[in-house]
Amino acid sequence: MNKKMYLFIGALLGVLLATSGGAAADQVKSLVGKTVAGEYNVRVNGTKLSENAIAVDDTAYVPLRSISESLGANLAVKGKTIEIATGNPSFNVVVKEQSQAIALKDNPYTNWSKELIVKHIGTVQELIEIINNNIKKYEKSLTDIDRKIGAAGHDQRLIERIEKSATKTKKELQESKDSLLEHKKELEQLKAALATK
């Protein structure tokens, strides 16, 4: 990393850490009802970030996570503390298998606290259960299509509505299956991160 990035992150950390939790809470409360004086594009090393900074009462508020990620730094919120690490903490994790080390390198949950990971695992497991139930519902609905079409007889409008409904159900089924795969991957990452705690 270049010196400018270290200086920027150091200055940012200094500002964040210099303010106590109570003072930060008071500052947030004081922003309620304030008018945003301006919105500014943020560029890091010439690349425009998707999120903008704002100015309120001559103070700039920047999208900290976006800036940290664009600089290759890791940002973690632990309680009322925001931690930014300029190196990759996953390299400090001692693991027995090379494949596990590679998996942790790109794991977004390695900086999370054990308590937060455990809580999020429970949430993801609940989502997986809900998605599985939806998949079963969609599959059952699709198996009933032939019976419904047969019961429609020669009513072409009804058959068209049933087929339109089947198309919609197939799309929802595929979206649910895609979502299930994403949540299972997320669960694996969470469990891998938990194993390092």
Protein backbone atom coordinates (compact mmCIF):
# COMPACT_ATOMS: atom_id res chain seq x y z
CA MET A 1 0.00 0.00 0.00
CA ASN A 2 1.22 3.48 -0.63
CA LYS A 3 1.92 6.06 2.07
CA LYS A 4 -1.11 8.18 1.16
CA MET A 5 -3.45 5.30 1.84
CA TYR A 6 -1.83 4.63 5.24
CA LEU A 7 -2.06 8.30 6.10
CA PHE A 8 -5.70 8.46 5.03
CA ILE A 9 -6.68 5.38 7.01
CA GLY A 10 -4.66 6.56 10.01
CA ALA A 11 -6.34 9.96 9.96
CA LEU A 12 -9.73 8.34 9.56
CA LEU A 13 -9.07 6.00 12.47
CA GLY A 14 -7.85 8.90 14.58
CA VAL A 15 -11.05 10.82 13.98
CA LEU A 16 -13.19 7.78 14.71
CA LEU A 17 -11.34 6.69 17.82
CA ALA A 18 -11.00 10.21 19.25
CA THR A 19 -14.75 10.39 19.69
CA SER A 20 -16.15 8.40 22.58
CA GLY A 21 -19.27 6.23 22.17
CA GLY A 22 -21.47 8.74 24.02
CA ALA A 23 -20.17 11.68 22.05
CA ALA A 24 -20.75 9.79 18.82
CA ALA A 25 -24.31 9.01 19.89
CA ASP A 26 -24.89 12.68 20.74
CA GLN A 27 -23.52 13.68 17.35
CA VAL A 28 -25.85 11.27 15.56
CA LYS A 29 -28.81 12.63 17.49
CA SER A 30 -27.77 16.15 16.59
CA LEU A 31 -27.93 15.29 12.87
CA VAL A 32 -31.62 14.51 13.06
CA GLY A 33 -33.50 17.25 11.25
CA LYS A 34 -30.33 18.82 9.84
CA THR A 35 -30.18 19.70 6.18
CA VAL A 36 -27.66 18.07 3.91
CA ALA A 37 -25.73 20.99 2.45
CA GLY A 38 -24.25 19.03 -0.39
CA GLU A 39 -23.55 15.66 -1.88
CA TYR A 40 -20.13 14.86 -3.28
CA ASN A 41 -18.68 12.15 -5.47
CA VAL A 42 -15.92 10.19 -3.79
CA ARG A 43 -12.93 9.03 -5.82
CA VAL A 44 -10.27 6.70 -4.49
CA ASN A 45 -7.15 6.43 -6.63
CA GLY A 46 -9.15 7.88 -9.52
CA THR A 47 -12.04 5.41 -9.24
CA LYS A 48 -15.47 6.83 -8.38
CA LEU A 49 -17.25 5.02 -5.57
CA SER A 50 -20.90 4.06 -5.94
CA GLU A 51 -21.79 5.84 -2.69
CA ASN A 52 -21.48 9.60 -2.24
CA ALA A 53 -20.26 11.68 0.69
CA ILE A 54 -22.49 14.32 2.23
CA ALA A 55 -21.82 17.61 4.00
CA VAL A 56 -23.87 18.65 7.04
CA ASP A 57 -22.96 21.81 8.99
CA ASP A 58 -19.51 22.07 7.38
CA THR A 59 -18.65 18.44 8.23
CA ALA A 60 -18.15 15.78 5.57
CA TYR A 61 -19.54 12.30 6.16
CA VAL A 62 -17.99 9.67 3.93
CA PRO A 63 -19.05 6.08 3.13
CA LEU A 64 -16.43 4.42 5.34
CA ARG A 65 -17.03 0.84 4.23
CA SER A 66 -16.80 1.71 0.54
CA ILE A 67 -13.61 3.67 1.07
CA SER A 68 -12.05 0.90 3.15
CA GLU A 69 -12.93 -1.76 0.59
CA SER A 70 -11.63 0.33 -2.30
CA LEU A 71 -8.31 0.73 -0.47
CA GLY A 72 -8.09 -2.99 0.19
CA ALA A 73 -8.55 -2.49 3.92
CA ASN A 74 -10.82 -4.61 6.10
CA LEU A 75 -13.51 -2.90 8.16
CA ALA A 76 -15.22 -4.57 11.07
CA VAL A 77 -17.76 -3.26 13.55
CA LYS A 78 -17.29 -4.77 16.99
CA GLY A 79 -19.79 -3.38 19.44
CA LYS A 80 -19.38 0.39 19.33
CA THR A 81 -15.93 0.18 17.77
CA ILE A 82 -15.09 0.35 14.08
CA GLU A 83 -11.85 -1.44 13.27
CA ILE A 84 -9.98 -0.94 10.02
CA ALA A 85 -7.07 -3.20 9.15
CA THR A 86 -4.83 -2.38 6.24
CA GLY A 87 -3.46 -5.93 5.97
CA ASN A 88 -5.45 -9.05 5.35
CA PRO A 89 -6.16 -10.53 8.82
CA SER A 90 -7.04 -13.88 7.30
CA PHE A 91 -3.30 -14.40 6.67
CA ASN A 92 -2.80 -14.35 10.44
CA VAL A 93 -5.20 -17.25 10.93
CA VAL A 94 -3.47 -20.55 11.60
CA VAL A 95 -5.19 -23.36 9.74
CA LYS A 96 -4.27 -26.97 9.19
CA GLU A 97 -5.31 -27.32 5.57
CA GLN A 98 -4.26 -25.20 2.61
CA SER A 99 -7.76 -25.33 1.11
CA GLN A 100 -9.21 -23.89 4.31
CA ALA A 101 -6.67 -21.07 4.20
CA ILE A 102 -7.65 -20.25 0.63
CA ALA A 103 -11.35 -20.29 1.58
CA LEU A 104 -10.74 -17.91 4.49
CA LYS A 105 -8.74 -15.49 2.36
CA ASP A 106 -11.90 -14.34 0.57
CA ASN A 107 -14.28 -14.94 3.49
CA PRO A 108 -16.11 -11.70 4.37
CA TYR A 109 -16.90 -12.98 7.87
CA THR A 110 -13.35 -13.52 9.19
CA ASN A 111 -13.37 -10.09 10.88
CA TRP A 112 -16.72 -10.62 12.61
CA SER A 113 -16.90 -11.38 16.33
CA LYS A 114 -17.74 -14.92 17.41
CA GLU A 115 -21.07 -13.74 18.87
CA LEU A 116 -22.09 -12.01 15.64
CA ILE A 117 -21.14 -15.03 13.54
CA VAL A 118 -23.16 -17.39 15.78
CA LYS A 119 -26.19 -15.09 15.60
CA HIS A 120 -25.92 -14.75 11.83
CA ILE A 121 -25.57 -18.54 11.42
CA GLY A 122 -28.92 -18.92 13.17
CA THR A 123 -30.52 -16.36 10.88
CA VAL A 124 -29.13 -17.97 7.73
CA GLN A 125 -30.25 -21.42 8.88
CA GLU A 126 -33.77 -20.07 9.39
CA LEU A 127 -33.71 -18.53 5.90
CA ILE A 128 -32.55 -21.84 4.41
CA GLU A 129 -35.45 -23.61 6.11
CA ILE A 130 -37.94 -21.06 4.76
CA ILE A 131 -36.49 -21.32 1.25
CA ASN A 132 -36.62 -25.13 1.38
CA ASN A 133 -40.29 -24.93 2.37
CA ASN A 134 -40.96 -22.54 -0.52
CA ILE A 135 -39.21 -24.90 -2.94
CA LYS A 136 -41.40 -27.78 -1.77
CA LYS A 137 -44.50 -25.59 -2.17
CA TYR A 138 -43.50 -24.56 -5.72
CA GLU A 139 -42.68 -28.15 -6.71
CA LYS A 140 -46.03 -29.38 -5.37
CA SER A 141 -47.81 -26.61 -7.24
CA LEU A 142 -46.11 -27.64 -10.48
CA THR A 143 -47.06 -31.31 -10.03
CA ASP A 144 -50.71 -30.22 -9.77
CA ILE A 145 -50.57 -28.36 -13.13
CA ASP A 146 -51.46 -31.40 -15.28
CA ARG A 147 -54.43 -32.20 -13.06
CA LYS A 148 -55.63 -28.58 -13.23
CA ILE A 149 -55.29 -28.47 -17.03
CA GLY A 150 -57.20 -31.75 -17.31
CA ALA A 151 -59.95 -30.37 -15.07
CA ALA A 152 -60.16 -27.21 -17.23
CA GLY A 153 -61.45 -29.28 -20.12
CA HIS A 154 -61.71 -27.20 -23.27
CA ASP A 155 -61.77 -23.80 -21.51
CA GLN A 156 -58.83 -22.23 -23.34
CA ARG A 157 -58.77 -19.08 -21.17
CA LEU A 158 -58.53 -21.12 -18.00
CA ILE A 159 -55.79 -23.29 -19.52
CA GLU A 160 -53.84 -20.15 -20.48
CA ARG A 161 -54.16 -18.77 -16.93
CA ILE A 162 -52.96 -22.08 -15.51
CA GLU A 163 -50.00 -22.14 -17.89
CA LYS A 164 -49.17 -18.51 -17.07
CA SER A 165 -49.29 -19.39 -13.38
CA ALA A 166 -47.05 -22.40 -14.02
CA THR A 167 -44.49 -20.19 -15.80
CA LYS A 168 -44.49 -17.79 -12.86
CA THR A 169 -44.13 -20.68 -10.40
CA LYS A 170 -41.20 -22.14 -12.40
CA LYS A 171 -39.47 -18.75 -12.26
CA GLU A 172 -40.06 -18.45 -8.50
CA LEU A 173 -38.81 -22.03 -8.05
CA GLN A 174 -35.57 -21.26 -9.91
CA GLU A 175 -35.07 -18.02 -7.95
CA SER A 176 -35.58 -19.94 -4.71
CA LYS A 177 -33.07 -22.61 -5.76
CA ASP A 178 -30.53 -19.90 -6.64
CA SER A 179 -31.15 -18.17 -3.32
CA LEU A 180 -30.76 -21.48 -1.49
CA LEU A 181 -27.34 -22.05 -3.08
CA GLU A 182 -26.23 -18.53 -2.10
CA HIS A 183 -27.37 -18.98 1.50
CA LYS A 184 -25.71 -22.41 1.76
CA LYS A 185 -22.45 -20.85 0.55
CA GLU A 186 -22.87 -18.06 3.08
CA LEU A 187 -23.47 -20.63 5.82
CA GLU A 188 -20.27 -22.48 4.86
CA GLN A 189 -18.31 -19.22 5.01
CA LEU A 190 -19.79 -18.37 8.39
CA LYS A 191 -18.91 -21.80 9.78
CA ALA A 192 -15.37 -21.54 8.40
CA ALA A 193 -14.95 -18.11 10.03
CA LEU A 194 -16.37 -19.44 13.29
CA ALA A 195 -13.83 -22.28 13.27
CA THR A 196 -11.03 -19.70 13.48
CA LYS A 197 -12.38 -18.06 16.64
